[in-house]
Amino acid sequence: MSYGAILSSTFATLFLERVGSPVLGGVADPDDYRISTLLSSLPRIANAVKALFQFCHLARPERCPFHMSSEEEIEKWC
């Protein structure tokens, strides 16, 4: 999640005539971010972490320093 993405989207909304085609990554729910609960973001965070374990396992040890014999082992270690 990125404060920069929230700031950028706010700027784009306020000054649409100055922004062409913004590309934003790591966008958090602005209301969730503002009240600091991040509750709606938790499932997305959990999915991203699970994907990290999966892709690390698929990448093999040469490309991922956390590589282990299974995704589950990586998750336990982390």
C-alpha atoms as a PDB file:
ATOM      1  CA  MET A   1       0.000   0.000   0.000  1.00  0.00           C
ATOM      2  CA  SER A   2       1.297   3.373  -0.851  1.00  0.00           C
ATOM      3  CA  TYR A   3       0.672   6.785   0.606  1.00  0.00           C
ATOM      4  CA  GLY A   4       2.159   8.159  -2.615  1.00  0.00           C
ATOM      5  CA  ALA A   5      -0.569   6.477  -4.644  1.00  0.00           C
ATOM      6  CA  ILE A   6      -3.256   8.001  -2.409  1.00  0.00           C
ATOM      7  CA  LEU A   7      -1.617  11.422  -2.682  1.00  0.00           C
ATOM      8  CA  SER A   8      -1.249  11.052  -6.454  1.00  0.00           C
ATOM      9  CA  SER A   9      -4.856   9.995  -6.966  1.00  0.00           C
ATOM     10  CA  THR A  10      -6.034  12.916  -4.813  1.00  0.00           C
ATOM     11  CA  PHE A  11      -3.919  15.312  -6.876  1.00  0.00           C
ATOM     12  CA  ALA A  12      -5.257  13.822 -10.122  1.00  0.00           C
ATOM     13  CA  THR A  13      -8.822  14.237  -8.865  1.00  0.00           C
ATOM     14  CA  LEU A  14      -8.288  17.859  -7.851  1.00  0.00           C
ATOM     15  CA  PHE A  15      -6.255  18.877 -10.896  1.00  0.00           C
ATOM     16  CA  LEU A  16      -7.570  16.666 -13.677  1.00  0.00           C
ATOM     17  CA  GLU A  17      -6.522  19.167 -16.351  1.00  0.00           C
ATOM     18  CA  ARG A  18      -2.854  18.765 -15.295  1.00  0.00           C
ATOM     19  CA  VAL A  19      -2.801  14.958 -15.362  1.00  0.00           C
ATOM     20  CA  GLY A  20      -2.715  12.866 -18.524  1.00  0.00           C
ATOM     21  CA  SER A  21      -2.925   9.149 -17.830  1.00  0.00           C
ATOM     22  CA  PRO A  22      -1.674   8.350 -14.341  1.00  0.00           C
ATOM     23  CA  VAL A  23      -0.397   4.867 -13.536  1.00  0.00           C
ATOM     24  CA  LEU A  24      -0.660   4.012  -9.855  1.00  0.00           C
ATOM     25  CA  GLY A  25       0.567   0.917  -8.041  1.00  0.00           C
ATOM     26  CA  GLY A  26       0.045  -0.294  -4.501  1.00  0.00           C
ATOM     27  CA  VAL A  27      -3.131   1.710  -4.063  1.00  0.00           C
ATOM     28  CA  ALA A  28      -4.711   1.503  -0.619  1.00  0.00           C
ATOM     29  CA  ASP A  29      -8.345   2.211   0.210  1.00  0.00           C
ATOM     30  CA  PRO A  30      -8.144   5.955   1.022  1.00  0.00           C
ATOM     31  CA  ASP A  31     -10.877   5.862   3.682  1.00  0.00           C
ATOM     32  CA  ASP A  32      -9.278   2.851   5.329  1.00  0.00           C
ATOM     33  CA  TYR A  33      -5.869   4.532   5.166  1.00  0.00           C
ATOM     34  CA  ARG A  34      -7.195   7.789   6.601  1.00  0.00           C
ATOM     35  CA  ILE A  35      -8.724   6.151   9.684  1.00  0.00           C
ATOM     36  CA  SER A  36      -5.710   3.813  10.020  1.00  0.00           C
ATOM     37  CA  THR A  37      -7.577   0.517  10.256  1.00  0.00           C
ATOM     38  CA  LEU A  38      -6.596  -0.988   6.889  1.00  0.00           C
ATOM     39  CA  LEU A  39      -9.291  -3.629   7.491  1.00  0.00           C
ATOM     40  CA  SER A  40     -10.420  -3.802   3.881  1.00  0.00           C
ATOM     41  CA  SER A  41      -6.796  -4.170   2.789  1.00  0.00           C
ATOM     42  CA  LEU A  42      -5.970  -7.168   4.989  1.00  0.00           C
ATOM     43  CA  PRO A  43      -7.305  -9.827   2.584  1.00  0.00           C
ATOM     44  CA  ARG A  44      -5.306  -8.281  -0.287  1.00  0.00           C
ATOM     45  CA  ILE A  45      -2.181  -8.182   1.878  1.00  0.00           C
ATOM     46  CA  ALA A  46      -2.648 -11.848   2.827  1.00  0.00           C
ATOM     47  CA  ASN A  47      -3.074 -12.778  -0.854  1.00  0.00           C
ATOM     48  CA  ALA A  48       0.065 -10.844  -1.815  1.00  0.00           C
ATOM     49  CA  VAL A  49       2.128 -12.571   0.864  1.00  0.00           C
ATOM     50  CA  LYS A  50       0.787 -15.984  -0.208  1.00  0.00           C
ATOM     51  CA  ALA A  51       1.746 -15.158  -3.807  1.00  0.00           C
ATOM     52  CA  LEU A  52       5.244 -14.241  -2.630  1.00  0.00           C
ATOM     53  CA  PHE A  53       5.641 -17.708  -1.104  1.00  0.00           C
ATOM     54  CA  GLN A  54       4.284 -19.338  -4.257  1.00  0.00           C
ATOM     55  CA  PHE A  55       6.497 -17.415  -6.677  1.00  0.00           C
ATOM     56  CA  CYS A  56       9.555 -17.804  -4.474  1.00  0.00           C
ATOM     57  CA  HIS A  57       9.062 -21.553  -4.492  1.00  0.00           C
ATOM     58  CA  LEU A  58       8.598 -21.567  -8.278  1.00  0.00           C
ATOM     59  CA  ALA A  59      11.678 -19.378  -8.786  1.00  0.00           C
ATOM     60  CA  ARG A  60      14.045 -21.974  -7.308  1.00  0.00           C
ATOM     61  CA  PRO A  61      16.959 -21.192  -4.962  1.00  0.00           C
ATOM     62  CA  GLU A  62      19.012 -19.450  -7.638  1.00  0.00           C
ATOM     63  CA  ARG A  63      16.469 -16.637  -7.853  1.00  0.00           C
ATOM     64  CA  CYS A  64      14.873 -16.545  -4.398  1.00  0.00           C
ATOM     65  CA  PRO A  65      16.947 -16.548  -1.213  1.00  0.00           C
ATOM     66  CA  PHE A  66      13.933 -17.808   0.774  1.00  0.00           C
ATOM     67  CA  HIS A  67      13.426 -20.897  -1.399  1.00  0.00           C
ATOM     68  CA  MET A  68      12.515 -24.122   0.424  1.00  0.00           C
ATOM     69  CA  SER A  69      10.984 -27.458  -0.533  1.00  0.00           C
ATOM     70  CA  SER A  70       7.412 -26.111  -0.495  1.00  0.00           C
ATOM     71  CA  GLU A  71       5.376 -22.932  -0.244  1.00  0.00           C
ATOM     72  CA  GLU A  72       4.188 -24.070   3.179  1.00  0.00           C
ATOM     73  CA  GLU A  73       7.773 -24.370   4.456  1.00  0.00           C
ATOM     74  CA  ILE A  74       8.564 -20.855   3.291  1.00  0.00           C
ATOM     75  CA  GLU A  75       5.438 -19.606   5.067  1.00  0.00           C
ATOM     76  CA  LYS A  76       6.400 -21.384   8.314  1.00  0.00           C
ATOM     77  CA  TRP A  77       9.917 -19.975   8.148  1.00  0.00           C
ATOM     78  CA  CYS A  78       8.692 -16.431   7.567  1.00  0.00           C
END
